[in-house]
Amino acid sequence: MLVKDELDRPYGLHGKVLKLSTFKVTDEAHGRRYGELLLKTLFNHAHHHGHDGIYVTVFDKHVTLIELLSAFGFRDRARSPREERVMAKQLRPTGEDSAADPLAFHITYGPPAVDAQAPFFVVPVEPKWHDLLFPEFMPQLSLWTGEHPYGNALRKAYLCNAAARQIGPGATLLFYRSHNLSAVTAVGVVEDVLISRSPEEIARLVGRRTVYTLDDIAERCGAARPVLAVLFRQDRLLEPPWSRRVLDNAGVLNGPPQSITGVRDEEGRRWLQERLKELR
């Protein structure tokens, strides 16, 4: 993947613009997940260097790449002199455009980008699952080993037997690493939710997004409560993480979360909004 700054604000993009010069994705599932890893790197680069927009030119024959870019907020902007599609993504809202709902807001402008008015949920995750779900959080883990590709992708799945039923598309998830850290380490945005006791139905929904095997899913389906399957998009990792003491003092938590917990305290919601309302 090659990128370069564009100084002339091409194709009507605003502010500081980044051009993606080389980006290849194969049709295989492995290739698409690797494409998401490259996009994660691209968005991190744009975020840390203060870019306002990104664009790439691509020929129509590269259908898989076009579909991947579209899924992450790139839209047709123009045609290049070589008759390529010019696909662009604005990273900051302007007066000319807006997103209709929290999920659309995230897809259009992020990651990182969350709608501060969306509901917040704290999601406790055991360390062994956290390491698989967010491998880049642990510096000793390889960013791309191919062994657990779902962790390196941006679109992921989380399964539990929580009683929470208020989670819907666009909700903001605050992933809390339990036991050895006791802190919120990552933020996600919900895409879809399924409540089911059928391992096959759940497996069809989550595909290869999840850290759980089919046997793991079947075991969870045997619990007293049905499985809550949540498809989400990774928004950002928190550096530094938000410790439980900080979250308790802010009104986000009232002790260690044992299950998915909605943030209802208005003071806690305001604290989160202040820290997440900025796109970068």
Foldseek 3Di string as FASTA:
>chain_A
DDKDWDDPCPLVADDTEMEDEDADADPDPLRLLVSQLVVVVVQVVCVVVVHFKYKYWAAPVRPSVVVSLVQQAWDFRDADPVRTTITMAGQDDDPVDDADAQQRQCSRRDQVAGDLPAWEKEAEDEPVQCCLQAVVVDVVGDLDPVPRSLNSGFKAKDKDQDPDDPDAFRHKYFYAHDDPAQFGWFIKTWDGKDWDLDLVVLCVVGPSNYPDDSVRQNVRSPDPGTMIMTIIGTRDTDVVTGHPVNLCVQQQDDDRDPGIGIRDDPSSSVVVSVVRNDSD
